[in-house]
Amino acid sequence: MKSLLPLCLCASLLSACASPPTAVPDNRAFLTQETRLVLPAPTLAQPLYRQQLLSARTQGGEHQLLTVLEADGRQLTLVGLTPSGIRLFRVSYDGEAIRTEQLSSLLGGTTLPPVAQVLADVMLSYWPIQSWQPQLPRGWQLKDEGMVRRLRDPKGTLVSEIFYQDIAGEREPVRLVQHAFDYQLQMEKLAP
């Protein structure tokens, strides 16, 4: 998804104390609680830089988070900040491993998906479908239907929906509904 919103969910995963950088032992992420896949390469045809205000609605309540997403051709980096600018987390992915730096959680203790799954949501929003097709498990479908991108499991069950708008000539994600992990993200692109 082209949204950075899922990253706001990462903030709830943060521990009470600052923790050193960690690396997931591989480059896999969750689509659902039972289904993992290898993420596509973090490269895009054009560099990508986005600042967004994310509003997340989960079973634990509503939260706002500022995110900065940068894909420079070698790696993808996502940083989450409180609305006042305090850094909550930094996630980077270089195609080999997912690395995270987490600071104290200021958004509360809601139960949220793993950081790698949230990173997958961001990539689902922004990366082209062609990057995802070879990575999807057998029977899974990812399709653009107008200004909505939908991910379905082999039974046809809707897993994720990403809603887009044309903003200044660019197709930008504005809302993500993650059915498998039961959360929604509203995304507002900010000027750089």
Protein backbone atom coordinates (compact mmCIF):
# COMPACT_ATOMS: atom_id res chain seq x y z
CA MET A 1 0.00 0.00 0.00
CA LYS A 2 1.15 3.41 -0.66
CA SER A 3 0.35 4.36 2.87
CA LEU A 4 2.59 5.12 5.72
CA LEU A 5 -0.29 4.80 8.07
CA PRO A 6 0.44 1.27 9.14
CA LEU A 7 3.58 2.51 10.74
CA CYS A 8 1.65 4.41 13.31
CA LEU A 9 0.62 1.03 14.57
CA CYS A 10 4.25 0.24 15.24
CA ALA A 11 4.33 2.80 17.99
CA SER A 12 2.12 0.64 20.16
CA LEU A 13 4.58 -2.21 19.80
CA LEU A 14 7.36 -0.20 21.34
CA SER A 15 8.71 -1.12 24.73
CA ALA A 16 8.75 1.11 27.78
CA CYS A 17 12.49 1.64 27.45
CA ALA A 18 14.64 2.54 24.49
CA SER A 19 15.97 -0.54 22.79
CA PRO A 20 19.01 -1.02 20.55
CA PRO A 21 18.54 -1.65 16.82
CA THR A 22 17.38 -5.16 16.03
CA ALA A 23 17.14 -7.07 12.78
CA VAL A 24 14.48 -9.56 11.87
CA PRO A 25 16.49 -12.63 10.77
CA ASP A 26 15.05 -12.46 7.27
CA ASN A 27 12.97 -10.33 4.95
CA ARG A 28 9.55 -11.91 5.61
CA ALA A 29 6.40 -10.21 6.81
CA PHE A 30 2.84 -11.12 7.74
CA LEU A 31 -0.21 -10.74 5.51
CA THR A 32 -2.39 -12.36 8.15
CA GLN A 33 -1.53 -13.91 11.50
CA GLU A 34 -1.00 -17.25 9.75
CA THR A 35 0.49 -16.16 6.41
CA ARG A 36 4.04 -14.88 5.88
CA LEU A 37 5.78 -13.88 2.68
CA VAL A 38 9.11 -12.51 1.48
CA LEU A 39 8.86 -8.77 0.90
CA PRO A 40 9.66 -7.38 -2.55
CA ALA A 41 12.98 -5.58 -3.05
CA PRO A 42 12.92 -2.12 -1.45
CA THR A 43 13.79 -0.41 -4.74
CA LEU A 44 11.43 1.65 -6.88
CA ALA A 45 11.82 3.13 -10.38
CA GLN A 46 11.87 6.61 -8.82
CA PRO A 47 13.00 7.61 -5.31
CA LEU A 48 10.10 8.10 -2.93
CA TYR A 49 9.86 10.57 -0.05
CA ARG A 50 6.65 11.14 1.89
CA GLN A 51 5.69 12.92 5.10
CA GLN A 52 2.25 11.97 6.36
CA LEU A 53 -0.05 12.49 9.27
CA LEU A 54 -1.56 9.12 10.08
CA SER A 55 -4.67 8.58 12.11
CA ALA A 56 -5.02 4.97 13.22
CA ARG A 57 -8.20 3.39 14.52
CA THR A 58 -7.73 0.10 16.32
CA GLN A 59 -9.70 -1.85 18.89
CA GLY A 60 -7.61 -0.01 21.47
CA GLY A 61 -8.72 3.46 20.34
CA GLU A 62 -7.52 6.18 18.00
CA HIS A 63 -3.99 7.54 17.65
CA GLN A 64 -2.19 10.11 15.50
CA LEU A 65 1.34 9.78 14.26
CA LEU A 66 3.64 11.65 11.89
CA THR A 67 5.61 9.40 9.54
CA VAL A 68 8.47 9.98 7.17
CA LEU A 69 8.99 7.40 4.42
CA GLU A 70 12.06 7.34 2.21
CA ALA A 71 12.99 4.83 -0.48
CA ASP A 72 16.27 5.87 -2.06
CA GLY A 73 16.85 2.97 -4.43
CA ARG A 74 18.87 0.93 -1.94
CA GLN A 75 16.68 0.75 1.13
CA LEU A 76 13.34 1.75 2.57
CA THR A 77 13.27 3.73 5.81
CA LEU A 78 10.21 4.61 7.86
CA VAL A 79 10.30 6.86 10.91
CA GLY A 80 7.36 7.42 13.26
CA LEU A 81 7.03 10.56 15.37
CA THR A 82 4.53 11.88 17.85
CA PRO A 83 2.57 14.92 16.61
CA SER A 84 4.97 17.03 18.72
CA GLY A 85 8.01 15.53 16.92
CA ILE A 86 9.33 12.95 19.42
CA ARG A 87 10.70 9.94 17.56
CA LEU A 88 8.94 6.68 18.42
CA PHE A 89 10.56 4.23 15.99
CA ARG A 90 12.68 3.80 12.91
CA VAL A 91 12.31 0.81 10.58
CA SER A 92 14.63 0.10 7.66
CA TYR A 93 14.60 -2.64 5.05
CA ASP A 94 17.45 -3.30 2.63
CA GLY A 95 16.09 -6.43 0.92
CA GLU A 96 17.96 -8.74 3.30
CA ALA A 97 16.69 -7.82 6.76
CA ILE A 98 14.22 -5.59 8.55
CA ARG A 99 15.89 -3.48 11.23
CA THR A 100 14.03 -1.60 13.94
CA GLU A 101 14.89 0.98 16.56
CA GLN A 102 12.11 1.46 19.08
CA LEU A 103 11.72 4.10 21.76
CA SER A 104 9.17 4.32 24.56
CA SER A 105 5.55 3.98 23.50
CA LEU A 106 3.59 7.17 23.87
CA LEU A 107 0.45 5.89 22.17
CA GLY A 108 -0.67 3.35 24.74
CA GLY A 109 -0.65 -0.41 24.97
CA THR A 110 -2.95 -1.56 22.18
CA THR A 111 -2.36 -4.92 20.59
CA LEU A 112 -1.06 -4.31 17.09
CA PRO A 113 0.52 -6.37 14.31
CA PRO A 114 4.27 -7.04 14.14
CA VAL A 115 6.52 -4.32 12.71
CA ALA A 116 7.34 -6.46 9.64
CA GLN A 117 3.64 -6.81 8.82
CA VAL A 118 3.18 -3.04 9.12
CA LEU A 119 6.12 -2.55 6.76
CA ALA A 120 4.40 -4.91 4.32
CA ASP A 121 1.28 -2.70 4.46
CA VAL A 122 3.35 0.36 3.57
CA MET A 123 4.94 -1.45 0.65
CA LEU A 124 1.54 -2.77 -0.46
CA SER A 125 0.41 0.84 -0.72
CA TYR A 126 3.33 2.23 -2.72
CA TRP A 127 5.02 -0.60 -4.59
CA PRO A 128 3.65 -1.61 -8.01
CA ILE A 129 1.57 -4.77 -8.23
CA GLN A 130 4.22 -6.29 -10.53
CA SER A 131 6.68 -6.21 -7.59
CA TRP A 132 4.20 -8.11 -5.42
CA GLN A 133 2.89 -10.79 -7.81
CA PRO A 134 5.92 -13.13 -7.56
CA GLN A 135 6.01 -12.72 -3.76
CA LEU A 136 2.38 -13.57 -3.00
CA PRO A 137 1.59 -17.06 -1.72
CA ARG A 138 -0.19 -19.39 -4.13
CA GLY A 139 -3.80 -18.39 -4.70
CA TRP A 140 -3.50 -14.87 -3.24
CA GLN A 141 -4.69 -11.97 -5.43
CA LEU A 142 -3.67 -8.31 -5.41
CA LYS A 143 -5.65 -6.13 -7.81
CA ASP A 144 -6.15 -2.46 -8.54
CA GLU A 145 -9.83 -1.75 -9.08
CA GLY A 146 -9.99 1.92 -10.04
CA MET A 147 -8.77 3.92 -7.05
CA VAL A 148 -8.85 0.92 -4.69
CA ARG A 149 -6.25 -1.83 -4.29
CA ARG A 150 -7.52 -5.07 -2.78
CA LEU A 151 -5.63 -8.07 -1.38
CA ARG A 152 -7.55 -11.35 -1.14
CA ASP A 153 -6.56 -14.75 0.21
CA PRO A 154 -7.08 -17.99 -1.77
CA LYS A 155 -10.68 -18.28 -0.49
CA GLY A 156 -11.47 -14.80 -1.84
CA THR A 157 -11.62 -13.27 1.65
CA LEU A 158 -10.70 -9.60 1.66
CA VAL A 159 -7.50 -9.09 3.69
CA SER A 160 -6.60 -5.44 2.94
CA GLU A 161 -8.03 -2.51 1.04
CA ILE A 162 -6.11 0.62 0.12
CA PHE A 163 -8.05 3.65 -1.08
CA TYR A 164 -6.31 6.25 -3.27
CA GLN A 165 -6.93 9.79 -4.46
CA ASP A 166 -5.33 11.78 -7.24
CA ILE A 167 -3.33 14.46 -5.42
CA ALA A 168 -1.45 16.90 -7.66
CA GLY A 169 -1.30 14.31 -10.44
CA GLU A 170 -0.06 11.47 -8.21
CA ARG A 171 -2.03 8.46 -7.00
CA GLU A 172 -1.71 8.71 -3.22
CA PRO A 173 -3.05 6.33 -0.57
CA VAL A 174 -5.51 8.07 1.74
CA ARG A 175 -7.02 5.16 3.70
CA LEU A 176 -6.04 1.61 4.50
CA VAL A 177 -8.38 -0.98 5.96
CA GLN A 178 -6.55 -4.04 7.28
CA HIS A 179 -9.26 -6.65 7.84
CA ALA A 180 -6.97 -9.44 9.07
CA PHE A 181 -5.53 -7.35 11.93
CA ASP A 182 -8.65 -5.18 12.37
CA TYR A 183 -7.33 -1.64 12.02
CA GLN A 184 -7.81 1.37 9.76
CA LEU A 185 -5.43 4.15 8.81
CA GLN A 186 -6.29 7.58 7.45
CA MET A 187 -3.34 9.19 5.66
CA GLU A 188 -2.81 12.87 5.01
CA LYS A 189 0.17 13.79 2.83
CA LEU A 190 2.11 16.73 4.23
CA ALA A 191 4.26 19.18 2.29
CA PRO A 192 7.96 18.28 2.46
